[in-house]
Amino acid sequence: MAKAGTAPTTSRRVKLLGKHPIGIPFVAPYVAFLIVVFAYPLGLALYMSFHDYFFAAPGAIVERPFIGVDNYTQVLGDPVFRTALFNVAKFVIINVPLTVALALVLATALNRAIPWRTFFRASYYVPYVTASVAVVGIWLWLFAGNGLVNTILGPLAPDPPWLVNEAWALPVIALLVTWKQLGFYVLLYLAAMQNVPNELYEAAKVDGAGAIRSFFAVTVPGVRAATTLVVILATIVGANFFTEPYLLTGGGGPNNSSISPVLMMYREGIEQGNAGYAAAIGVILAIGVLAISLLNRYVLERD
């Protein structure tokens, strides 16, 4: 009878804690990290977006009334926000295909037995770990009116110069982000290529396939999962670009041609104190990025 009585308790404990409850202390710090860094800020942002929320001095008693979807209505009706979304779309169209193509080609080259292979692998990764402010300083020197790029191009250089030109400011920023992030994606592809069996390349060679055909018939399908990850990560980076326009174009100029939703959040929430409005922008951006990421995954991973 005692054994029969303890069986349900043991079964419930296994369902609640799992078969190996000793693992709970090991995952608890990461769960706490997710709650503190992601779940709580997202919940707070959602709360702020439905209120007339503003920052006040510590200890001050303030009223932040519930205003429903007014913040969302104002954001969606703001022409600057629509411009920011259009800028994100242009940024992603430039950045994502260029990132995938360059990272895959470079990873394929670096996966071969070439001289100085380790040096080149490290060289492509250096910009990724370099501080953004230092990188931006280099690009300011390169694309200034009297910078190196204009000196090389001479009369072919655009007028006005790149970073104060409405047509060229955003593409230059997209190129900067592509160059800076490229090393990380090259490493992702290199890791994925280690799992592509050499027998497939040998079979393709026996069938008469050259290097280019082997690349498209073996390498590209073999790293499909990595391509999905690269596209999703590059899309997330593109939707959240902030540092580059803030430092390169003076905060989204000229004439908001390089403004981003995150830069709008900074303006509204930090500079102007409209925290509820900024939170609504963040929630809309998070939903949009999640939807696009799921769509990318569906398109790239479907059979």
Protein backbone atom coordinates (compact mmCIF):
# COMPACT_ATOMS: atom_id res chain seq x y z
CA MET A 1 0.00 0.00 0.00
CA ALA A 2 2.83 2.41 0.80
CA LYS A 3 4.38 1.91 -2.60
CA ALA A 4 1.07 2.37 -4.34
CA GLY A 5 0.50 5.58 -2.39
CA THR A 6 3.85 7.12 -3.29
CA ALA A 7 3.68 6.32 -7.02
CA PRO A 8 1.41 9.25 -8.00
CA THR A 9 3.54 11.68 -5.96
CA THR A 10 6.70 10.47 -7.69
CA SER A 11 5.02 10.71 -11.10
CA ARG A 12 3.87 14.28 -10.46
CA ARG A 13 7.37 15.21 -9.28
CA VAL A 14 8.93 13.78 -12.45
CA LYS A 15 6.49 15.77 -14.62
CA LEU A 16 7.18 18.96 -12.69
CA LEU A 17 10.95 18.75 -12.34
CA GLY A 18 11.83 16.38 -15.20
CA LYS A 19 13.75 13.15 -15.04
CA HIS A 20 16.95 14.91 -13.99
CA PRO A 21 16.09 17.73 -11.53
CA ILE A 22 19.80 18.19 -10.81
CA GLY A 23 19.94 20.21 -14.04
CA ILE A 24 17.64 22.91 -12.68
CA PRO A 25 20.39 24.73 -10.72
CA PHE A 26 22.50 24.83 -13.88
CA VAL A 27 19.83 26.39 -16.10
CA ALA A 28 18.44 28.69 -13.40
CA PRO A 29 21.03 31.48 -13.95
CA TYR A 30 20.24 31.61 -17.67
CA VAL A 31 16.50 31.62 -16.99
CA ALA A 32 17.02 34.49 -14.56
CA PHE A 33 19.09 36.29 -17.21
CA LEU A 34 16.29 35.89 -19.77
CA ILE A 35 13.71 37.19 -17.32
CA VAL A 36 15.76 40.22 -16.24
CA VAL A 37 17.22 41.19 -19.61
CA PHE A 38 14.42 40.23 -22.02
CA ALA A 39 11.08 39.32 -20.44
CA TYR A 40 10.87 42.14 -17.89
CA PRO A 41 11.93 44.97 -20.30
CA LEU A 42 9.51 43.67 -22.95
CA GLY A 43 6.66 43.51 -20.45
CA LEU A 44 7.49 47.00 -19.17
CA ALA A 45 7.63 48.36 -22.72
CA LEU A 46 4.22 46.85 -23.45
CA TYR A 47 2.83 48.45 -20.28
CA MET A 48 4.37 51.83 -21.10
CA SER A 49 2.98 51.79 -24.62
CA PHE A 50 -0.60 51.83 -23.29
CA HIS A 51 0.00 54.71 -20.89
CA ASP A 52 0.93 58.36 -21.01
CA TYR A 53 4.28 57.36 -19.61
CA PHE A 54 7.17 59.69 -18.93
CA PHE A 55 10.26 59.49 -16.77
CA ALA A 56 10.27 61.28 -13.44
CA ALA A 57 12.74 61.90 -10.65
CA PRO A 58 13.23 58.94 -8.25
CA GLY A 59 10.63 59.01 -5.50
CA ALA A 60 8.38 61.52 -7.27
CA ILE A 61 4.66 60.77 -7.29
CA VAL A 62 3.36 61.05 -10.85
CA GLU A 63 0.27 59.95 -12.70
CA ARG A 64 0.65 57.93 -15.86
CA PRO A 65 -2.93 57.44 -17.07
CA PHE A 66 -4.03 54.58 -19.29
CA ILE A 67 -4.65 55.89 -22.82
CA GLY A 68 -5.32 52.67 -24.71
CA VAL A 69 -3.93 52.52 -28.25
CA ASP A 70 -3.41 56.28 -28.63
CA ASN A 71 0.36 55.90 -28.75
CA TYR A 72 0.09 53.28 -31.48
CA THR A 73 -2.32 55.46 -33.47
CA GLN A 74 0.07 58.39 -33.29
CA VAL A 75 3.07 56.26 -34.24
CA LEU A 76 1.36 54.67 -37.25
CA GLY A 77 0.18 58.11 -38.40
CA ASP A 78 3.61 59.71 -38.02
CA PRO A 79 5.22 60.33 -41.45
CA VAL A 80 8.68 60.21 -39.87
CA PHE A 81 7.98 56.70 -38.58
CA ARG A 82 6.85 55.60 -42.02
CA THR A 83 10.08 57.05 -43.42
CA ALA A 84 12.04 55.11 -40.80
CA LEU A 85 10.30 51.85 -41.79
CA PHE A 86 11.02 52.57 -45.44
CA ASN A 87 14.67 53.15 -44.53
CA VAL A 88 14.77 49.80 -42.74
CA ALA A 89 13.36 48.10 -45.84
CA LYS A 90 16.00 49.73 -48.06
CA PHE A 91 18.72 48.85 -45.56
CA VAL A 92 17.68 45.18 -45.43
CA ILE A 93 17.40 44.95 -49.23
CA ILE A 94 21.00 46.16 -49.52
CA ASN A 95 22.51 44.50 -46.48
CA VAL A 96 21.00 41.01 -46.32
CA PRO A 97 21.67 39.74 -49.90
CA LEU A 98 25.13 41.31 -49.86
CA THR A 99 25.91 39.74 -46.48
CA VAL A 100 24.76 36.26 -47.53
CA ALA A 101 26.58 36.36 -50.88
CA LEU A 102 29.89 37.73 -49.57
CA ALA A 103 29.95 35.59 -46.43
CA LEU A 104 29.20 32.39 -48.36
CA VAL A 105 31.79 33.08 -51.08
CA LEU A 106 34.49 34.09 -48.59
CA ALA A 107 33.75 31.10 -46.35
CA THR A 108 34.03 28.78 -49.34
CA ALA A 109 37.40 30.28 -50.26
CA LEU A 110 38.67 30.15 -46.66
CA ASN A 111 37.52 26.54 -46.30
CA ARG A 112 40.07 25.49 -48.87
CA ALA A 113 43.76 24.85 -48.27
CA ILE A 114 45.06 28.28 -49.29
CA PRO A 115 48.21 30.08 -48.10
CA TRP A 116 47.72 32.32 -45.05
CA ARG A 117 44.28 30.86 -44.43
CA THR A 118 44.37 31.44 -40.66
CA PHE A 119 45.52 35.03 -41.16
CA PHE A 120 42.64 35.78 -43.53
CA ARG A 121 40.11 34.18 -41.21
CA ALA A 122 41.28 36.38 -38.35
CA SER A 123 41.43 39.48 -40.58
CA TYR A 124 37.78 39.20 -41.61
CA TYR A 125 36.76 38.84 -37.95
CA VAL A 126 38.68 41.90 -36.70
CA PRO A 127 36.07 44.52 -37.79
CA TYR A 128 33.35 42.59 -35.95
CA VAL A 129 35.14 42.85 -32.60
CA THR A 130 36.31 46.43 -33.16
CA ALA A 131 34.43 49.19 -31.34
CA SER A 132 31.75 50.79 -33.53
CA VAL A 133 32.96 54.30 -32.69
CA ALA A 134 36.43 53.51 -34.04
CA VAL A 135 34.99 52.00 -37.22
CA VAL A 136 32.69 54.98 -37.73
CA GLY A 137 35.67 57.31 -37.39
CA ILE A 138 37.42 55.49 -40.23
CA TRP A 139 34.35 55.68 -42.47
CA LEU A 140 33.91 59.38 -41.72
CA TRP A 141 37.45 59.89 -43.00
CA LEU A 142 36.84 57.71 -46.05
CA PHE A 143 33.55 59.28 -47.16
CA ALA A 144 34.04 62.92 -46.14
CA GLY A 145 33.92 65.60 -48.80
CA ASN A 146 37.71 65.62 -49.00
CA GLY A 147 38.08 61.97 -47.95
CA LEU A 148 39.94 59.15 -49.60
CA VAL A 149 36.98 57.85 -51.64
CA ASN A 150 36.23 61.24 -53.18
CA THR A 151 39.92 61.79 -53.86
CA ILE A 152 40.06 58.52 -55.80
CA LEU A 153 36.80 59.11 -57.69
CA GLY A 154 37.54 62.75 -58.48
CA PRO A 155 34.78 64.21 -60.71
CA LEU A 156 32.76 60.97 -60.39
CA ALA A 157 32.17 61.61 -56.66
CA PRO A 158 28.59 62.62 -55.77
CA ASP A 159 27.75 66.20 -54.94
CA PRO A 160 26.86 66.79 -52.13
CA PRO A 161 29.20 64.22 -50.52
CA TRP A 162 28.09 60.75 -49.49
CA LEU A 163 27.02 61.26 -45.88
CA VAL A 164 25.10 64.50 -46.53
CA ASN A 165 23.50 63.18 -49.71
CA GLU A 166 19.91 61.94 -49.35
CA ALA A 167 20.41 59.28 -52.02
CA TRP A 168 23.73 57.88 -50.75
CA ALA A 169 23.74 58.25 -46.95
CA LEU A 170 21.76 55.08 -46.23
CA PRO A 171 23.60 52.84 -48.76
CA VAL A 172 26.93 53.92 -47.24
CA ILE A 173 25.63 52.98 -43.78
CA ALA A 174 24.41 49.62 -45.12
CA LEU A 175 27.84 48.94 -46.60
CA LEU A 176 29.49 49.84 -43.31
CA VAL A 177 27.29 47.41 -41.36
CA THR A 178 27.85 44.69 -43.97
CA TRP A 179 31.60 45.08 -43.74
CA LYS A 180 31.64 45.20 -39.94
CA GLN A 181 29.39 42.15 -39.41
CA LEU A 182 30.80 40.05 -42.25
CA GLY A 183 33.43 38.20 -40.22
CA PHE A 184 30.85 36.76 -37.84
CA TYR A 185 28.74 35.36 -40.67
CA VAL A 186 31.83 33.95 -42.39
CA LEU A 187 32.54 31.97 -39.22
CA LEU A 188 28.97 30.66 -39.17
CA TYR A 189 29.32 29.42 -42.73
CA LEU A 190 32.75 27.91 -42.03
CA ALA A 191 31.28 25.96 -39.13
CA ALA A 192 28.41 24.74 -41.31
CA MET A 193 30.76 23.65 -44.09
CA GLN A 194 32.53 21.26 -41.73
CA ASN A 195 29.34 19.18 -41.72
CA VAL A 196 29.10 18.87 -45.52
CA PRO A 197 30.45 15.39 -46.41
CA ASN A 198 33.45 15.34 -48.75
CA GLU A 199 31.83 12.38 -50.52
CA LEU A 200 29.30 14.75 -52.04
CA TYR A 201 32.05 16.86 -53.61
CA GLU A 202 33.77 13.71 -54.87
CA ALA A 203 30.52 12.45 -56.39
CA ALA A 204 29.93 15.81 -58.06
CA LYS A 205 33.45 15.73 -59.46
CA VAL A 206 32.90 12.23 -60.84
CA ASP A 207 29.73 13.49 -62.53
CA GLY A 208 31.80 16.16 -64.25
CA ALA A 209 30.84 19.13 -62.09
CA GLY A 210 33.36 21.94 -61.85
CA ALA A 211 34.03 24.24 -58.93
CA ILE A 212 31.10 26.58 -59.68
CA ARG A 213 28.59 23.81 -60.20
CA SER A 214 29.77 22.01 -57.06
CA PHE A 215 29.31 25.25 -55.16
CA PHE A 216 25.66 25.58 -56.19
CA ALA A 217 24.85 21.85 -56.14
CA VAL A 218 26.63 20.83 -52.94
CA THR A 219 27.78 23.80 -50.84
CA VAL A 220 24.68 25.99 -51.05
CA PRO A 221 22.21 23.20 -50.12
CA GLY A 222 24.63 21.86 -47.51
CA VAL A 223 24.71 25.13 -45.56
CA ARG A 224 21.01 25.86 -45.92
CA ALA A 225 20.41 25.93 -42.16
CA ALA A 226 23.28 28.39 -41.72
CA THR A 227 21.82 30.59 -44.48
CA THR A 228 18.52 30.71 -42.61
CA LEU A 229 20.33 31.80 -39.45
CA VAL A 230 22.41 34.41 -41.32
CA VAL A 231 19.33 35.91 -42.99
CA ILE A 232 17.43 36.12 -39.71
CA LEU A 233 20.35 37.63 -37.79
CA ALA A 234 21.12 40.13 -40.57
CA THR A 235 17.45 41.14 -40.69
CA ILE A 236 17.39 41.72 -36.94
CA VAL A 237 20.59 43.80 -37.13
CA GLY A 238 19.14 45.79 -40.03
CA ALA A 239 15.90 46.52 -38.21
CA ASN A 240 17.80 47.76 -35.15
CA PHE A 241 20.58 49.85 -36.69
CA PHE A 242 21.23 52.93 -34.58
CA THR A 243 24.88 53.69 -33.88
CA GLU A 244 25.86 54.23 -37.51
CA PRO A 245 23.27 56.87 -38.51
CA TYR A 246 23.56 58.52 -35.10
CA LEU A 247 27.30 59.06 -35.52
CA LEU A 248 27.72 59.26 -39.30
CA THR A 249 24.82 61.48 -40.33
CA GLY A 250 24.17 63.52 -37.22
CA GLY A 251 21.12 61.59 -36.07
CA GLY A 252 19.37 60.33 -39.20
CA GLY A 253 20.07 63.10 -41.70
CA PRO A 254 19.98 64.52 -44.20
CA ASN A 255 16.23 65.17 -44.06
CA ASN A 256 15.58 61.87 -42.20
CA SER A 257 16.96 59.88 -45.14
CA SER A 258 18.90 57.60 -42.75
CA ILE A 259 16.66 57.67 -39.68
CA SER A 260 15.70 54.33 -38.14
CA PRO A 261 12.93 53.27 -35.72
CA VAL A 262 15.49 52.74 -32.94
CA LEU A 263 16.86 56.23 -33.52
CA MET A 264 13.29 57.55 -33.29
CA MET A 265 12.90 55.70 -29.99
CA TYR A 266 16.01 57.46 -28.69
CA ARG A 267 14.75 60.86 -29.81
CA GLU A 268 11.26 60.45 -28.40
CA GLY A 269 12.06 58.50 -25.25
CA ILE A 270 15.39 59.97 -24.10
CA GLU A 271 15.65 63.42 -25.66
CA GLN A 272 11.97 64.43 -25.52
CA GLY A 273 10.77 62.25 -22.64
CA ASN A 274 7.83 60.63 -24.50
CA ALA A 275 8.54 57.19 -23.11
CA GLY A 276 5.11 55.76 -23.92
CA TYR A 277 5.39 56.84 -27.55
CA ALA A 278 8.90 55.38 -27.80
CA ALA A 279 7.70 52.12 -26.22
CA ALA A 280 4.94 51.83 -28.84
CA ILE A 281 7.58 52.16 -31.57
CA GLY A 282 9.60 49.40 -29.89
CA VAL A 283 6.62 47.04 -29.63
CA ILE A 284 5.68 47.57 -33.29
CA LEU A 285 9.30 47.01 -34.31
CA ALA A 286 9.57 43.82 -32.23
CA ILE A 287 6.37 42.39 -33.75
CA GLY A 288 7.51 43.30 -37.25
CA VAL A 289 10.96 41.75 -36.83
CA LEU A 290 9.44 38.58 -35.35
CA ALA A 291 7.00 38.27 -38.25
CA ILE A 292 9.70 38.82 -40.89
CA SER A 293 12.04 36.34 -39.15
CA LEU A 294 9.34 33.66 -39.09
CA LEU A 295 8.56 34.34 -42.75
CA ASN A 296 12.25 34.08 -43.65
CA ARG A 297 12.52 30.79 -41.81
CA TYR A 298 9.44 29.39 -43.53
CA VAL A 299 10.64 30.41 -47.00
CA LEU A 300 14.24 29.25 -46.54
CA GLU A 301 13.55 25.97 -44.75
CA ARG A 302 10.55 24.65 -46.63
CA ASP A 303 11.13 21.44 -48.60
